[in-house]
Amino acid sequence: MRLDKYLKVSRIIKRRPVAKEACDLGKVKVNGKVAKAGDDINIDDKIEIEFRDTTLKIKILEIKEHVRKEDSKDMYEIINN
């Protein structure tokens, strides 16, 4: 699955154009490397997203095309390092 779509489906970022813009600005890294919106992601990849005053680090647990809002948090795990 594309990175920007994963960020939207998992509801880490609410809209796909916003996810694409974050990638285009270099604010998203996958496994320590700056990622593009179209990059494929896999289970166990680690994503870092720079927001204004914080960085969110997650590990991908599941990849699904469609998921209900209440189940979206099961797609990833927040990590500290």
C-alpha atoms as a PDB file:
ATOM      1  CA  MET A   1       0.000   0.000   0.000  1.00  0.00           C
ATOM      2  CA  ARG A   2       1.151   3.539  -0.691  1.00  0.00           C
ATOM      3  CA  LEU A   3       2.400   5.491   2.313  1.00  0.00           C
ATOM      4  CA  ASP A   4      -0.047   8.380   1.889  1.00  0.00           C
ATOM      5  CA  LYS A   5      -2.997   5.988   1.653  1.00  0.00           C
ATOM      6  CA  TYR A   6      -1.848   4.097   4.767  1.00  0.00           C
ATOM      7  CA  LEU A   7      -1.607   7.339   6.750  1.00  0.00           C
ATOM      8  CA  LYS A   8      -5.170   8.211   5.712  1.00  0.00           C
ATOM      9  CA  VAL A   9      -6.721   4.748   6.214  1.00  0.00           C
ATOM     10  CA  SER A  10      -5.094   4.396   9.649  1.00  0.00           C
ATOM     11  CA  ARG A  11      -6.308   7.919  10.471  1.00  0.00           C
ATOM     12  CA  ILE A  12      -2.854   9.084  11.542  1.00  0.00           C
ATOM     13  CA  ILE A  13      -3.414  11.926   9.073  1.00  0.00           C
ATOM     14  CA  LYS A  14      -7.062  12.614   8.279  1.00  0.00           C
ATOM     15  CA  ARG A  15      -6.827  13.463   4.569  1.00  0.00           C
ATOM     16  CA  ARG A  16      -4.713  11.942   1.817  1.00  0.00           C
ATOM     17  CA  PRO A  17      -3.678  15.291   0.254  1.00  0.00           C
ATOM     18  CA  VAL A  18      -2.378  16.378   3.672  1.00  0.00           C
ATOM     19  CA  ALA A  19      -0.424  13.118   3.962  1.00  0.00           C
ATOM     20  CA  LYS A  20       1.036  13.676   0.485  1.00  0.00           C
ATOM     21  CA  GLU A  21       2.022  17.239   1.358  1.00  0.00           C
ATOM     22  CA  ALA A  22       3.764  16.075   4.561  1.00  0.00           C
ATOM     23  CA  CYS A  23       5.742  13.573   2.494  1.00  0.00           C
ATOM     24  CA  ASP A  24       6.590  16.190  -0.159  1.00  0.00           C
ATOM     25  CA  LEU A  25       7.927  18.498   2.574  1.00  0.00           C
ATOM     26  CA  GLY A  26      10.221  15.750   3.920  1.00  0.00           C
ATOM     27  CA  LYS A  27       8.378  15.435   7.231  1.00  0.00           C
ATOM     28  CA  VAL A  28       7.805  11.672   6.916  1.00  0.00           C
ATOM     29  CA  LYS A  29      10.476   8.997   7.251  1.00  0.00           C
ATOM     30  CA  VAL A  30      10.131   5.251   6.790  1.00  0.00           C
ATOM     31  CA  ASN A  31      12.808   3.147   8.468  1.00  0.00           C
ATOM     32  CA  GLY A  32      14.948   6.248   8.966  1.00  0.00           C
ATOM     33  CA  LYS A  33      14.839   7.456   5.328  1.00  0.00           C
ATOM     34  CA  VAL A  34      12.841  10.387   3.981  1.00  0.00           C
ATOM     35  CA  ALA A  35       9.834   8.874   2.219  1.00  0.00           C
ATOM     36  CA  LYS A  36       7.738   9.823  -0.781  1.00  0.00           C
ATOM     37  CA  ALA A  37       3.935   9.610  -0.774  1.00  0.00           C
ATOM     38  CA  GLY A  38       3.978   6.772  -3.317  1.00  0.00           C
ATOM     39  CA  ASP A  39       6.473   4.583  -1.463  1.00  0.00           C
ATOM     40  CA  ASP A  40       5.205   1.112  -0.584  1.00  0.00           C
ATOM     41  CA  ILE A  41       5.041   0.265   3.096  1.00  0.00           C
ATOM     42  CA  ASN A  42       5.137  -3.144   4.750  1.00  0.00           C
ATOM     43  CA  ILE A  43       4.268  -4.662   8.102  1.00  0.00           C
ATOM     44  CA  ASP A  44       6.994  -3.939  10.716  1.00  0.00           C
ATOM     45  CA  ASP A  45       8.128  -0.742   8.951  1.00  0.00           C
ATOM     46  CA  LYS A  46       8.745   2.181  11.299  1.00  0.00           C
ATOM     47  CA  ILE A  47       7.306   5.569  10.347  1.00  0.00           C
ATOM     48  CA  GLU A  48       8.314   8.933  11.825  1.00  0.00           C
ATOM     49  CA  ILE A  49       6.117  11.958  11.197  1.00  0.00           C
ATOM     50  CA  GLU A  50       7.205  15.463  12.182  1.00  0.00           C
ATOM     51  CA  PHE A  51       4.342  17.624  13.387  1.00  0.00           C
ATOM     52  CA  ARG A  52       4.794  21.231  14.507  1.00  0.00           C
ATOM     53  CA  ASP A  53       6.164  20.572  17.968  1.00  0.00           C
ATOM     54  CA  THR A  54       6.502  16.786  18.164  1.00  0.00           C
ATOM     55  CA  THR A  55       7.500  13.688  16.251  1.00  0.00           C
ATOM     56  CA  LEU A  56       5.209  10.675  16.128  1.00  0.00           C
ATOM     57  CA  LYS A  57       6.955   7.316  15.794  1.00  0.00           C
ATOM     58  CA  ILE A  58       4.903   4.259  14.909  1.00  0.00           C
ATOM     59  CA  LYS A  59       5.403   0.649  13.889  1.00  0.00           C
ATOM     60  CA  ILE A  60       3.047  -0.832  11.285  1.00  0.00           C
ATOM     61  CA  LEU A  61       1.153  -3.863  12.598  1.00  0.00           C
ATOM     62  CA  GLU A  62      -1.511  -4.290   9.895  1.00  0.00           C
ATOM     63  CA  ILE A  63      -2.233  -3.085   6.392  1.00  0.00           C
ATOM     64  CA  LYS A  64      -5.899  -2.964   5.379  1.00  0.00           C
ATOM     65  CA  GLU A  65      -7.650  -1.231   2.493  1.00  0.00           C
ATOM     66  CA  HIS A  66     -10.704  -0.277   4.549  1.00  0.00           C
ATOM     67  CA  VAL A  67     -11.117  -0.057   8.291  1.00  0.00           C
ATOM     68  CA  ARG A  68     -13.685   1.367  10.675  1.00  0.00           C
ATOM     69  CA  LYS A  69     -12.676   4.396  12.705  1.00  0.00           C
ATOM     70  CA  GLU A  70     -12.647   2.514  16.012  1.00  0.00           C
ATOM     71  CA  ASP A  71     -10.429  -0.239  14.538  1.00  0.00           C
ATOM     72  CA  SER A  72      -7.869   2.066  12.917  1.00  0.00           C
ATOM     73  CA  LYS A  73      -5.661   2.195  16.037  1.00  0.00           C
ATOM     74  CA  ASP A  74      -5.072  -1.563  15.710  1.00  0.00           C
ATOM     75  CA  MET A  75      -3.135  -0.935  12.491  1.00  0.00           C
ATOM     76  CA  TYR A  76      -0.101   0.543  14.273  1.00  0.00           C
ATOM     77  CA  GLU A  77       1.746   0.761  17.562  1.00  0.00           C
ATOM     78  CA  ILE A  78       3.218   3.991  18.932  1.00  0.00           C
ATOM     79  CA  ILE A  79       6.897   3.541  19.801  1.00  0.00           C
ATOM     80  CA  ASN A  80       9.385   5.707  21.665  1.00  0.00           C
ATOM     81  CA  ASN A  81      12.614   4.937  19.814  1.00  0.00           C
END
